[in-house]
Amino acid sequence: MAAAGAAPKNNGMSIASERIPPQTYFIVSARFHYLGPAFAILFANVAPLGVAWLRIAIAAAVFAAWREPWRSVGTWTRRDFALIAALGAVLAAMNSVFYLAISKLPLATVGAIEFLGPVALAAAGTRSVPNAIAFVLAVTGVAALMNVSLQGKPSAFVFAFANCALFTLYIMLGHRLARSAGGGPMDRLAAAMLVAAVLALPVGIADAVPAFADWRVFTAAVGVALSSSVIPYAGEQLAMRRLPRASYALFLSLLPAVAAAVGIAVLGQHPSVPELAGIALVVAAIALHQPAAQPESRPASMPESGHTPRARIGRNEGQ
């Protein structure tokens, strides 16, 4: 039961959000996923671990103000608490090693390596000929996009592959969180972000200090948090809730193409002809893929706790 006097938020998805195809949420999420580097002033003034903590902490504050996750604590089980803690730890580590990686490697390379884990998830769920062809196209396209140069520092690739492993865990835990009972998925995501902010604090706060002395740098940090965490993570929860994990993992092949596009527009990292061909193959794979007719364990659209929550304008998922 919710705490006395607390009006629980909608535990299911709003009717409006259910009417929107889940792929739409993913496309919106992908568009914002790698936009953080657009705020170049932040990266010029703050070290990677400081950028990671600012991104996590500001996103956690936004999610907390939006969702007020403490109002749903009474509906959570021990399993929910464990899932929130695990996802929070993964988010803290994943964001930290991601910024350490892109400080030493091209964004497109890090994005391509990041996709290797989801490849395994997509392969495990391939059940039809069109999906098998889509999987082959996606892998071929990502291979072309990777174009990894082993002349980089070994530590950079350690961070990039650590980010890949953590990103895979994020997909698995995030998908489970989106479909589990006990409060709305956005509330649990907000709680996980608060956990991540606390866990990343010891390693990131010292490097983040310069951002608090310059309003321009802090504004850039807010931009990174909104564009790289708040919008993508919220969109991914809405997509994960209605897409099978294998389908969602295959759609993630779009991310290396997005990374390459952001690298062109923001960082001046122009792709080669093979890399452009890789982008085309990834797009073709997404177009060819056919999601399962009945996503596994699709959650009910009605509230999970058995009571009708009071409407809260602007706080339901999908708004």
C-alpha atoms as a PDB file:
ATOM      1  CA  MET A   1       0.000   0.000   0.000  1.00  0.00           C
ATOM      2  CA  ALA A   2       1.124   3.533  -0.633  1.00  0.00           C
ATOM      3  CA  ALA A   3       2.023   5.740   2.282  1.00  0.00           C
ATOM      4  CA  ALA A   4      -0.891   7.491   3.931  1.00  0.00           C
ATOM      5  CA  GLY A   5      -1.832  10.721   2.235  1.00  0.00           C
ATOM      6  CA  ALA A   6       0.236   9.948  -0.862  1.00  0.00           C
ATOM      7  CA  ALA A   7      -1.539   9.789  -4.189  1.00  0.00           C
ATOM      8  CA  PRO A   8       0.118   6.969  -6.157  1.00  0.00           C
ATOM      9  CA  LYS A   9       0.969   7.700  -9.730  1.00  0.00           C
ATOM     10  CA  ASN A  10      -0.281   5.702 -12.663  1.00  0.00           C
ATOM     11  CA  ASN A  11       1.412   2.306 -12.435  1.00  0.00           C
ATOM     12  CA  GLY A  12       0.577   1.385 -16.015  1.00  0.00           C
ATOM     13  CA  MET A  13       1.029   3.397 -19.167  1.00  0.00           C
ATOM     14  CA  SER A  14      -1.263   6.243 -20.118  1.00  0.00           C
ATOM     15  CA  ILE A  15      -3.773   5.546 -22.874  1.00  0.00           C
ATOM     16  CA  ALA A  16      -2.070   8.120 -25.098  1.00  0.00           C
ATOM     17  CA  SER A  17       1.355   6.508 -24.716  1.00  0.00           C
ATOM     18  CA  GLU A  18      -0.092   3.058 -25.535  1.00  0.00           C
ATOM     19  CA  ARG A  19      -1.418   4.354 -28.851  1.00  0.00           C
ATOM     20  CA  ILE A  20       2.006   5.507 -30.031  1.00  0.00           C
ATOM     21  CA  PRO A  21       4.086   2.757 -31.716  1.00  0.00           C
ATOM     22  CA  PRO A  22       6.960   1.716 -29.407  1.00  0.00           C
ATOM     23  CA  GLN A  23       9.414   2.178 -32.285  1.00  0.00           C
ATOM     24  CA  THR A  24       8.601   5.894 -32.173  1.00  0.00           C
ATOM     25  CA  TYR A  25       9.870   6.143 -28.617  1.00  0.00           C
ATOM     26  CA  PHE A  26      13.046   4.352 -29.599  1.00  0.00           C
ATOM     27  CA  ILE A  27      13.676   6.658 -32.568  1.00  0.00           C
ATOM     28  CA  VAL A  28      13.275   9.726 -30.343  1.00  0.00           C
ATOM     29  CA  SER A  29      15.592   8.156 -27.768  1.00  0.00           C
ATOM     30  CA  ALA A  30      18.216   7.316 -30.407  1.00  0.00           C
ATOM     31  CA  ARG A  31      18.193  10.866 -31.769  1.00  0.00           C
ATOM     32  CA  PHE A  32      19.214  12.231 -28.381  1.00  0.00           C
ATOM     33  CA  HIS A  33      21.463   9.370 -27.207  1.00  0.00           C
ATOM     34  CA  TYR A  34      24.784  10.809 -28.397  1.00  0.00           C
ATOM     35  CA  LEU A  35      23.995  14.530 -28.424  1.00  0.00           C
ATOM     36  CA  GLY A  36      25.979  15.227 -25.256  1.00  0.00           C
ATOM     37  CA  PRO A  37      29.184  16.068 -27.175  1.00  0.00           C
ATOM     38  CA  ALA A  38      27.282  18.942 -28.806  1.00  0.00           C
ATOM     39  CA  PHE A  39      27.882  20.832 -25.570  1.00  0.00           C
ATOM     40  CA  ALA A  40      31.603  21.107 -26.247  1.00  0.00           C
ATOM     41  CA  ILE A  41      32.210  23.799 -23.614  1.00  0.00           C
ATOM     42  CA  LEU A  42      31.516  21.231 -20.892  1.00  0.00           C
ATOM     43  CA  PHE A  43      34.083  18.761 -22.219  1.00  0.00           C
ATOM     44  CA  ALA A  44      36.680  21.512 -22.552  1.00  0.00           C
ATOM     45  CA  ASN A  45      36.337  22.513 -18.892  1.00  0.00           C
ATOM     46  CA  VAL A  46      35.410  19.345 -17.003  1.00  0.00           C
ATOM     47  CA  ALA A  47      37.237  15.993 -16.859  1.00  0.00           C
ATOM     48  CA  PRO A  48      35.370  12.855 -18.077  1.00  0.00           C
ATOM     49  CA  LEU A  49      34.381  11.541 -14.640  1.00  0.00           C
ATOM     50  CA  GLY A  50      33.099  14.987 -13.711  1.00  0.00           C
ATOM     51  CA  VAL A  51      30.989  15.098 -16.881  1.00  0.00           C
ATOM     52  CA  ALA A  52      29.603  11.640 -16.058  1.00  0.00           C
ATOM     53  CA  TRP A  53      28.601  12.641 -12.528  1.00  0.00           C
ATOM     54  CA  LEU A  54      27.031  15.924 -13.643  1.00  0.00           C
ATOM     55  CA  ARG A  55      25.013  14.072 -16.282  1.00  0.00           C
ATOM     56  CA  ILE A  56      23.809  11.487 -13.755  1.00  0.00           C
ATOM     57  CA  ALA A  57      23.145  13.908 -10.897  1.00  0.00           C
ATOM     58  CA  ILE A  58      21.247  16.484 -12.957  1.00  0.00           C
ATOM     59  CA  ALA A  59      19.212  13.771 -14.679  1.00  0.00           C
ATOM     60  CA  ALA A  60      18.436  12.251 -11.263  1.00  0.00           C
ATOM     61  CA  ALA A  61      17.230  15.646 -10.013  1.00  0.00           C
ATOM     62  CA  VAL A  62      14.996  16.099 -13.064  1.00  0.00           C
ATOM     63  CA  PHE A  63      13.520  12.609 -12.757  1.00  0.00           C
ATOM     64  CA  ALA A  64      12.982  13.085  -8.996  1.00  0.00           C
ATOM     65  CA  ALA A  65      11.169  16.395  -9.503  1.00  0.00           C
ATOM     66  CA  TRP A  66       9.065  14.907 -12.304  1.00  0.00           C
ATOM     67  CA  ARG A  67       8.196  11.517 -10.838  1.00  0.00           C
ATOM     68  CA  GLU A  68       8.622  11.930  -7.032  1.00  0.00           C
ATOM     69  CA  PRO A  69       9.547   8.217  -6.791  1.00  0.00           C
ATOM     70  CA  TRP A  70       9.332   8.173  -2.983  1.00  0.00           C
ATOM     71  CA  ARG A  71       5.545   8.286  -3.369  1.00  0.00           C
ATOM     72  CA  SER A  72       5.608   4.788  -4.907  1.00  0.00           C
ATOM     73  CA  VAL A  73       7.963   3.144  -2.408  1.00  0.00           C
ATOM     74  CA  GLY A  74       5.060   1.475  -0.617  1.00  0.00           C
ATOM     75  CA  THR A  75       4.199  -0.518  -3.750  1.00  0.00           C
ATOM     76  CA  TRP A  76       7.715  -1.926  -4.266  1.00  0.00           C
ATOM     77  CA  THR A  77       8.742  -5.454  -3.352  1.00  0.00           C
ATOM     78  CA  ARG A  78      12.192  -6.619  -2.296  1.00  0.00           C
ATOM     79  CA  ARG A  79      12.736  -7.678  -5.893  1.00  0.00           C
ATOM     80  CA  ASP A  80      11.913  -4.147  -7.059  1.00  0.00           C
ATOM     81  CA  PHE A  81      14.387  -2.642  -4.590  1.00  0.00           C
ATOM     82  CA  ALA A  82      17.090  -5.078  -5.739  1.00  0.00           C
ATOM     83  CA  LEU A  83      16.372  -4.269  -9.393  1.00  0.00           C
ATOM     84  CA  ILE A  84      16.489  -0.515  -8.753  1.00  0.00           C
ATOM     85  CA  ALA A  85      19.786  -0.839  -6.862  1.00  0.00           C
ATOM     86  CA  ALA A  86      21.333  -2.998  -9.589  1.00  0.00           C
ATOM     87  CA  LEU A  87      20.226  -0.657 -12.379  1.00  0.00           C
ATOM     88  CA  GLY A  88      21.509   2.343 -10.435  1.00  0.00           C
ATOM     89  CA  ALA A  89      24.937   0.726 -10.042  1.00  0.00           C
ATOM     90  CA  VAL A  90      25.056  -0.110 -13.753  1.00  0.00           C
ATOM     91  CA  LEU A  91      24.061   3.441 -14.749  1.00  0.00           C
ATOM     92  CA  ALA A  92      26.767   4.918 -12.529  1.00  0.00           C
ATOM     93  CA  ALA A  93      29.508   2.681 -13.922  1.00  0.00           C
ATOM     94  CA  MET A  94      28.281   2.771 -17.545  1.00  0.00           C
ATOM     95  CA  ASN A  95      28.208   6.561 -17.766  1.00  0.00           C
ATOM     96  CA  SER A  96      31.636   6.857 -16.153  1.00  0.00           C
ATOM     97  CA  VAL A  97      33.447   4.451 -18.478  1.00  0.00           C
ATOM     98  CA  PHE A  98      31.576   5.844 -21.509  1.00  0.00           C
ATOM     99  CA  TYR A  99      33.059   9.313 -21.008  1.00  0.00           C
ATOM    100  CA  LEU A 100      36.492   7.874 -20.281  1.00  0.00           C
ATOM    101  CA  ALA A 101      36.225   5.984 -23.605  1.00  0.00           C
ATOM    102  CA  ILE A 102      35.061   8.892 -25.784  1.00  0.00           C
ATOM    103  CA  SER A 103      37.784  11.099 -24.328  1.00  0.00           C
ATOM    104  CA  LYS A 104      40.284   8.834 -26.117  1.00  0.00           C
ATOM    105  CA  LEU A 105      38.401   7.289 -29.086  1.00  0.00           C
ATOM    106  CA  PRO A 106      36.090   8.586 -31.846  1.00  0.00           C
ATOM    107  CA  LEU A 107      32.439   8.619 -30.818  1.00  0.00           C
ATOM    108  CA  ALA A 108      31.449   6.330 -33.731  1.00  0.00           C
ATOM    109  CA  THR A 109      33.994   3.715 -32.640  1.00  0.00           C
ATOM    110  CA  VAL A 110      32.741   3.730 -29.048  1.00  0.00           C
ATOM    111  CA  GLY A 111      29.153   3.566 -30.308  1.00  0.00           C
ATOM    112  CA  ALA A 112      29.933   0.584 -32.514  1.00  0.00           C
ATOM    113  CA  ILE A 113      31.733  -1.318 -29.771  1.00  0.00           C
ATOM    114  CA  GLU A 114      28.812  -0.538 -27.478  1.00  0.00           C
ATOM    115  CA  PHE A 115      26.543  -2.455 -29.870  1.00  0.00           C
ATOM    116  CA  LEU A 116      28.444  -5.758 -29.662  1.00  0.00           C
ATOM    117  CA  GLY A 117      26.596  -6.873 -26.531  1.00  0.00           C
ATOM    118  CA  PRO A 118      23.124  -6.148 -27.905  1.00  0.00           C
ATOM    119  CA  VAL A 119      24.112  -8.170 -31.000  1.00  0.00           C
ATOM    120  CA  ALA A 120      24.170 -11.274 -28.801  1.00  0.00           C
ATOM    121  CA  LEU A 121      20.752 -10.423 -27.343  1.00  0.00           C
ATOM    122  CA  ALA A 122      19.301  -9.887 -30.815  1.00  0.00           C
ATOM    123  CA  ALA A 123      20.805 -13.140 -32.087  1.00  0.00           C
ATOM    124  CA  ALA A 124      19.298 -15.076 -29.194  1.00  0.00           C
ATOM    125  CA  GLY A 125      15.835 -13.842 -30.159  1.00  0.00           C
ATOM    126  CA  THR A 126      16.024 -14.305 -33.949  1.00  0.00           C
ATOM    127  CA  ARG A 127      13.038 -16.498 -34.885  1.00  0.00           C
ATOM    128  CA  SER A 128      12.192 -15.783 -38.535  1.00  0.00           C
ATOM    129  CA  VAL A 129      13.937 -15.531 -41.897  1.00  0.00           C
ATOM    130  CA  PRO A 130      13.354 -11.748 -42.264  1.00  0.00           C
ATOM    131  CA  ASN A 131      14.699 -11.191 -38.764  1.00  0.00           C
ATOM    132  CA  ALA A 132      17.720 -13.389 -39.456  1.00  0.00           C
ATOM    133  CA  ILE A 133      18.455 -11.359 -42.604  1.00  0.00           C
ATOM    134  CA  ALA A 134      17.963  -8.133 -40.625  1.00  0.00           C
ATOM    135  CA  PHE A 135      20.409  -9.394 -38.012  1.00  0.00           C
ATOM    136  CA  VAL A 136      23.052 -10.177 -40.664  1.00  0.00           C
ATOM    137  CA  LEU A 137      22.584  -6.743 -42.253  1.00  0.00           C
ATOM    138  CA  ALA A 138      22.873  -5.028 -38.880  1.00  0.00           C
ATOM    139  CA  VAL A 139      26.049  -6.887 -37.945  1.00  0.00           C
ATOM    140  CA  THR A 140      27.594  -6.181 -41.356  1.00  0.00           C
ATOM    141  CA  GLY A 141      26.679  -2.518 -41.097  1.00  0.00           C
ATOM    142  CA  VAL A 142      28.085  -2.162 -37.596  1.00  0.00           C
ATOM    143  CA  ALA A 143      31.286  -3.945 -38.668  1.00  0.00           C
ATOM    144  CA  ALA A 144      31.711  -1.329 -41.394  1.00  0.00           C
ATOM    145  CA  LEU A 145      31.008   1.452 -38.922  1.00  0.00           C
ATOM    146  CA  MET A 146      33.483   0.190 -36.368  1.00  0.00           C
ATOM    147  CA  ASN A 147      36.601   0.550 -38.497  1.00  0.00           C
ATOM    148  CA  VAL A 148      38.507   0.219 -35.251  1.00  0.00           C
ATOM    149  CA  SER A 149      42.103   1.411 -35.265  1.00  0.00           C
ATOM    150  CA  LEU A 150      44.187  -0.544 -32.767  1.00  0.00           C
ATOM    151  CA  GLN A 151      46.693   2.308 -32.713  1.00  0.00           C
ATOM    152  CA  GLY A 152      44.707   3.905 -29.898  1.00  0.00           C
ATOM    153  CA  LYS A 153      45.680   3.542 -26.253  1.00  0.00           C
ATOM    154  CA  PRO A 154      44.810   0.088 -24.864  1.00  0.00           C
ATOM    155  CA  SER A 155      43.106   1.696 -21.864  1.00  0.00           C
ATOM    156  CA  ALA A 156      40.663   3.420 -24.203  1.00  0.00           C
ATOM    157  CA  PHE A 157      39.495   0.062 -25.558  1.00  0.00           C
ATOM    158  CA  VAL A 158      39.255  -1.334 -22.029  1.00  0.00           C
ATOM    159  CA  PHE A 159      36.832   1.481 -21.205  1.00  0.00           C
ATOM    160  CA  ALA A 160      34.955   1.024 -24.501  1.00  0.00           C
ATOM    161  CA  PHE A 161      34.439  -2.723 -23.999  1.00  0.00           C
ATOM    162  CA  ALA A 162      33.543  -2.200 -20.327  1.00  0.00           C
ATOM    163  CA  ASN A 163      30.917   0.252 -21.536  1.00  0.00           C
ATOM    164  CA  CYS A 164      29.663  -2.417 -23.964  1.00  0.00           C
ATOM    165  CA  ALA A 165      29.245  -4.965 -21.164  1.00  0.00           C
ATOM    166  CA  LEU A 166      27.512  -2.463 -18.913  1.00  0.00           C
ATOM    167  CA  PHE A 167      25.241  -1.298 -21.738  1.00  0.00           C
ATOM    168  CA  THR A 168      24.137  -4.900 -22.252  1.00  0.00           C
ATOM    169  CA  LEU A 169      23.361  -5.172 -18.537  1.00  0.00           C
ATOM    170  CA  TYR A 170      21.455  -1.892 -18.770  1.00  0.00           C
ATOM    171  CA  ILE A 171      19.262  -3.351 -21.533  1.00  0.00           C
ATOM    172  CA  MET A 172      18.569  -6.519 -19.558  1.00  0.00           C
ATOM    173  CA  LEU A 173      17.829  -4.728 -16.281  1.00  0.00           C
ATOM    174  CA  GLY A 174      15.977  -1.859 -17.944  1.00  0.00           C
ATOM    175  CA  HIS A 175      13.756  -4.254 -19.881  1.00  0.00           C
ATOM    176  CA  ARG A 176      12.968  -6.163 -16.697  1.00  0.00           C
ATOM    177  CA  LEU A 177      12.239  -2.914 -14.840  1.00  0.00           C
ATOM    178  CA  ALA A 178       9.924  -1.686 -17.606  1.00  0.00           C
ATOM    179  CA  ARG A 179       7.832  -4.848 -17.418  1.00  0.00           C
ATOM    180  CA  SER A 180       7.856  -5.659 -13.716  1.00  0.00           C
ATOM    181  CA  ALA A 181       5.100  -4.925 -11.212  1.00  0.00           C
ATOM    182  CA  GLY A 182       5.361  -2.410  -8.388  1.00  0.00           C
ATOM    183  CA  GLY A 183       4.891   1.261  -9.206  1.00  0.00           C
ATOM    184  CA  GLY A 184       5.237   2.852 -12.622  1.00  0.00           C
ATOM    185  CA  PRO A 185       8.417   2.143 -14.616  1.00  0.00           C
ATOM    186  CA  MET A 186       9.319   5.840 -14.678  1.00  0.00           C
ATOM    187  CA  ASP A 187       9.154   5.968 -10.886  1.00  0.00           C
ATOM    188  CA  ARG A 188      11.546   3.036 -10.588  1.00  0.00           C
ATOM    189  CA  LEU A 189      13.831   4.578 -13.213  1.00  0.00           C
ATOM    190  CA  ALA A 190      13.858   7.826 -11.233  1.00  0.00           C
ATOM    191  CA  ALA A 191      14.829   5.890  -8.108  1.00  0.00           C
ATOM    192  CA  ALA A 192      17.602   4.083 -10.016  1.00  0.00           C
ATOM    193  CA  MET A 193      18.976   7.434 -11.218  1.00  0.00           C
ATOM    194  CA  LEU A 194      19.109   8.675  -7.613  1.00  0.00           C
ATOM    195  CA  VAL A 195      21.044   5.533  -6.659  1.00  0.00           C
ATOM    196  CA  ALA A 196      23.428   6.124  -9.581  1.00  0.00           C
ATOM    197  CA  ALA A 197      24.022   9.739  -8.537  1.00  0.00           C
ATOM    198  CA  VAL A 198      24.999   8.645  -5.024  1.00  0.00           C
ATOM    199  CA  LEU A 199      27.275   5.824  -6.226  1.00  0.00           C
ATOM    200  CA  ALA A 200      29.062   8.021  -8.798  1.00  0.00           C
ATOM    201  CA  LEU A 201      29.535  10.900  -6.343  1.00  0.00           C
ATOM    202  CA  PRO A 202      32.879   9.801  -4.811  1.00  0.00           C
ATOM    203  CA  VAL A 203      34.636   9.420  -8.178  1.00  0.00           C
ATOM    204  CA  GLY A 204      33.070  12.346 -10.006  1.00  0.00           C
ATOM    205  CA  ILE A 205      32.378  15.227  -7.660  1.00  0.00           C
ATOM    206  CA  ALA A 206      35.954  16.557  -7.533  1.00  0.00           C
ATOM    207  CA  ASP A 207      36.162  16.760 -11.330  1.00  0.00           C
ATOM    208  CA  ALA A 208      32.688  18.321 -11.510  1.00  0.00           C
ATOM    209  CA  VAL A 209      33.544  21.335  -9.318  1.00  0.00           C
ATOM    210  CA  PRO A 210      34.576  23.653 -12.234  1.00  0.00           C
ATOM    211  CA  ALA A 211      31.033  23.418 -13.625  1.00  0.00           C
ATOM    212  CA  PHE A 212      29.633  25.109 -10.519  1.00  0.00           C
ATOM    213  CA  ALA A 213      31.908  28.120 -10.983  1.00  0.00           C
ATOM    214  CA  ASP A 214      30.791  28.973 -14.537  1.00  0.00           C
ATOM    215  CA  TRP A 215      27.093  29.266 -15.411  1.00  0.00           C
ATOM    216  CA  ARG A 216      27.828  28.528 -19.078  1.00  0.00           C
ATOM    217  CA  VAL A 217      29.519  25.254 -18.216  1.00  0.00           C
ATOM    218  CA  PHE A 218      26.751  24.290 -15.797  1.00  0.00           C
ATOM    219  CA  THR A 219      24.127  25.108 -18.439  1.00  0.00           C
ATOM    220  CA  ALA A 220      25.981  22.808 -20.824  1.00  0.00           C
ATOM    221  CA  ALA A 221      25.889  20.098 -18.135  1.00  0.00           C
ATOM    222  CA  VAL A 222      22.120  20.494 -17.909  1.00  0.00           C
ATOM    223  CA  GLY A 223      21.944  20.137 -21.696  1.00  0.00           C
ATOM    224  CA  VAL A 224      23.981  16.930 -21.568  1.00  0.00           C
ATOM    225  CA  ALA A 225      21.785  15.472 -18.807  1.00  0.00           C
ATOM    226  CA  LEU A 226      18.549  16.257 -20.639  1.00  0.00           C
ATOM    227  CA  SER A 227      19.683  15.151 -24.091  1.00  0.00           C
ATOM    228  CA  SER A 228      21.755  12.107 -23.120  1.00  0.00           C
ATOM    229  CA  SER A 229      19.909  10.748 -20.061  1.00  0.00           C
ATOM    230  CA  VAL A 230      16.456  12.129 -19.323  1.00  0.00           C
ATOM    231  CA  ILE A 231      14.960  11.948 -22.820  1.00  0.00           C
ATOM    232  CA  PRO A 232      16.710   8.726 -23.952  1.00  0.00           C
ATOM    233  CA  TYR A 233      16.142   6.762 -20.735  1.00  0.00           C
ATOM    234  CA  ALA A 234      12.477   7.776 -20.550  1.00  0.00           C
ATOM    235  CA  GLY A 235      11.951   6.898 -24.211  1.00  0.00           C
ATOM    236  CA  GLU A 236      13.717   3.581 -23.766  1.00  0.00           C
ATOM    237  CA  GLN A 237      11.461   2.622 -20.860  1.00  0.00           C
ATOM    238  CA  LEU A 238       8.389   3.342 -22.976  1.00  0.00           C
ATOM    239  CA  ALA A 239       9.831   1.286 -25.849  1.00  0.00           C
ATOM    240  CA  MET A 240      11.108  -1.590 -23.692  1.00  0.00           C
ATOM    241  CA  ARG A 241       7.728  -1.971 -22.030  1.00  0.00           C
ATOM    242  CA  ARG A 242       6.122  -3.001 -25.320  1.00  0.00           C
ATOM    243  CA  LEU A 243       8.949  -4.490 -27.419  1.00  0.00           C
ATOM    244  CA  PRO A 244      10.483  -7.953 -26.968  1.00  0.00           C
ATOM    245  CA  ARG A 245      14.055  -7.678 -25.705  1.00  0.00           C
ATOM    246  CA  ALA A 246      15.489  -9.197 -28.908  1.00  0.00           C
ATOM    247  CA  SER A 247      13.631  -6.696 -31.079  1.00  0.00           C
ATOM    248  CA  TYR A 248      14.760  -3.812 -28.912  1.00  0.00           C
ATOM    249  CA  ALA A 249      18.356  -5.066 -29.005  1.00  0.00           C
ATOM    250  CA  LEU A 250      18.302  -5.192 -32.804  1.00  0.00           C
ATOM    251  CA  PHE A 251      16.918  -1.656 -33.022  1.00  0.00           C
ATOM    252  CA  LEU A 252      19.971  -0.597 -31.036  1.00  0.00           C
ATOM    253  CA  SER A 253      22.030  -1.191 -34.163  1.00  0.00           C
ATOM    254  CA  LEU A 254      20.760   2.247 -35.139  1.00  0.00           C
ATOM    255  CA  LEU A 255      22.900   3.791 -32.394  1.00  0.00           C
ATOM    256  CA  PRO A 256      26.284   3.433 -34.157  1.00  0.00           C
ATOM    257  CA  ALA A 257      24.749   5.178 -37.153  1.00  0.00           C
ATOM    258  CA  VAL A 258      23.487   7.930 -34.864  1.00  0.00           C
ATOM    259  CA  ALA A 259      26.940   8.200 -33.300  1.00  0.00           C
ATOM    260  CA  ALA A 260      28.483   8.558 -36.742  1.00  0.00           C
ATOM    261  CA  ALA A 261      25.938  11.242 -37.673  1.00  0.00           C
ATOM    262  CA  VAL A 262      26.614  13.186 -34.464  1.00  0.00           C
ATOM    263  CA  GLY A 263      30.333  12.807 -35.084  1.00  0.00           C
ATOM    264  CA  ILE A 264      29.851  14.427 -38.498  1.00  0.00           C
ATOM    265  CA  ALA A 265      27.599  17.260 -37.356  1.00  0.00           C
ATOM    266  CA  VAL A 266      29.196  18.082 -34.013  1.00  0.00           C
ATOM    267  CA  LEU A 267      32.747  16.773 -33.896  1.00  0.00           C
ATOM    268  CA  GLY A 268      33.745  17.049 -37.560  1.00  0.00           C
ATOM    269  CA  GLN A 269      34.532  13.322 -37.740  1.00  0.00           C
ATOM    270  CA  HIS A 270      33.648  12.629 -41.386  1.00  0.00           C
ATOM    271  CA  PRO A 271      32.903   8.966 -42.228  1.00  0.00           C
ATOM    272  CA  SER A 272      34.484   7.049 -45.059  1.00  0.00           C
ATOM    273  CA  VAL A 273      32.533   5.444 -47.912  1.00  0.00           C
ATOM    274  CA  PRO A 274      32.510   2.027 -46.143  1.00  0.00           C
ATOM    275  CA  GLU A 275      31.158   3.708 -43.021  1.00  0.00           C
ATOM    276  CA  LEU A 276      28.382   5.364 -45.026  1.00  0.00           C
ATOM    277  CA  ALA A 277      27.561   1.952 -46.482  1.00  0.00           C
ATOM    278  CA  GLY A 278      27.441   0.621 -42.927  1.00  0.00           C
ATOM    279  CA  ILE A 279      24.863   3.254 -41.968  1.00  0.00           C
ATOM    280  CA  ALA A 280      22.735   2.251 -44.971  1.00  0.00           C
ATOM    281  CA  LEU A 281      22.889  -1.428 -43.987  1.00  0.00           C
ATOM    282  CA  VAL A 282      21.844  -0.653 -40.412  1.00  0.00           C
ATOM    283  CA  VAL A 283      18.867   1.389 -41.605  1.00  0.00           C
ATOM    284  CA  ALA A 284      17.874  -1.444 -43.964  1.00  0.00           C
ATOM    285  CA  ALA A 285      18.063  -3.931 -41.090  1.00  0.00           C
ATOM    286  CA  ILE A 286      15.734  -1.837 -38.942  1.00  0.00           C
ATOM    287  CA  ALA A 287      13.271  -1.500 -41.832  1.00  0.00           C
ATOM    288  CA  LEU A 288      13.297  -5.261 -42.481  1.00  0.00           C
ATOM    289  CA  HIS A 289      12.964  -6.406 -38.879  1.00  0.00           C
ATOM    290  CA  GLN A 290       9.581  -7.781 -37.807  1.00  0.00           C
ATOM    291  CA  PRO A 291       8.815  -7.561 -34.064  1.00  0.00           C
ATOM    292  CA  ALA A 292       7.172 -10.580 -32.464  1.00  0.00           C
ATOM    293  CA  ALA A 293       3.394 -10.559 -32.696  1.00  0.00           C
ATOM    294  CA  GLN A 294       3.071 -11.051 -28.940  1.00  0.00           C
ATOM    295  CA  PRO A 295       5.919  -9.472 -26.954  1.00  0.00           C
ATOM    296  CA  GLU A 296       6.893 -11.595 -24.027  1.00  0.00           C
ATOM    297  CA  SER A 297       5.317 -10.735 -20.663  1.00  0.00           C
ATOM    298  CA  ARG A 298       3.674  -7.595 -21.954  1.00  0.00           C
ATOM    299  CA  PRO A 299       2.461  -5.704 -18.898  1.00  0.00           C
ATOM    300  CA  ALA A 300      -1.176  -4.879 -18.443  1.00  0.00           C
ATOM    301  CA  SER A 301      -2.168  -1.369 -19.349  1.00  0.00           C
ATOM    302  CA  MET A 302      -4.276  -1.112 -16.167  1.00  0.00           C
ATOM    303  CA  PRO A 303      -2.672  -0.130 -12.851  1.00  0.00           C
ATOM    304  CA  GLU A 304      -0.795  -3.018 -11.239  1.00  0.00           C
ATOM    305  CA  SER A 305      -1.708  -2.318  -7.624  1.00  0.00           C
ATOM    306  CA  GLY A 306      -5.422  -2.948  -8.013  1.00  0.00           C
ATOM    307  CA  HIS A 307      -6.595   0.572  -7.246  1.00  0.00           C
ATOM    308  CA  THR A 308      -7.401   3.542  -9.419  1.00  0.00           C
ATOM    309  CA  PRO A 309      -4.782   6.256  -8.976  1.00  0.00           C
ATOM    310  CA  ARG A 310      -5.734   9.879  -8.885  1.00  0.00           C
ATOM    311  CA  ALA A 311      -4.936  11.675 -12.138  1.00  0.00           C
ATOM    312  CA  ARG A 312      -1.823  13.811 -11.909  1.00  0.00           C
ATOM    313  CA  ILE A 313      -1.472  16.218 -14.783  1.00  0.00           C
ATOM    314  CA  GLY A 314       1.920  16.059 -16.467  1.00  0.00           C
ATOM    315  CA  ARG A 315       3.195  13.152 -14.365  1.00  0.00           C
ATOM    316  CA  ASN A 316       1.961  10.075 -16.201  1.00  0.00           C
ATOM    317  CA  GLU A 317       4.301   8.198 -18.479  1.00  0.00           C
ATOM    318  CA  GLY A 318       4.251   9.366 -22.035  1.00  0.00           C
ATOM    319  CA  GLN A 319       3.494  12.959 -21.126  1.00  0.00           C
END
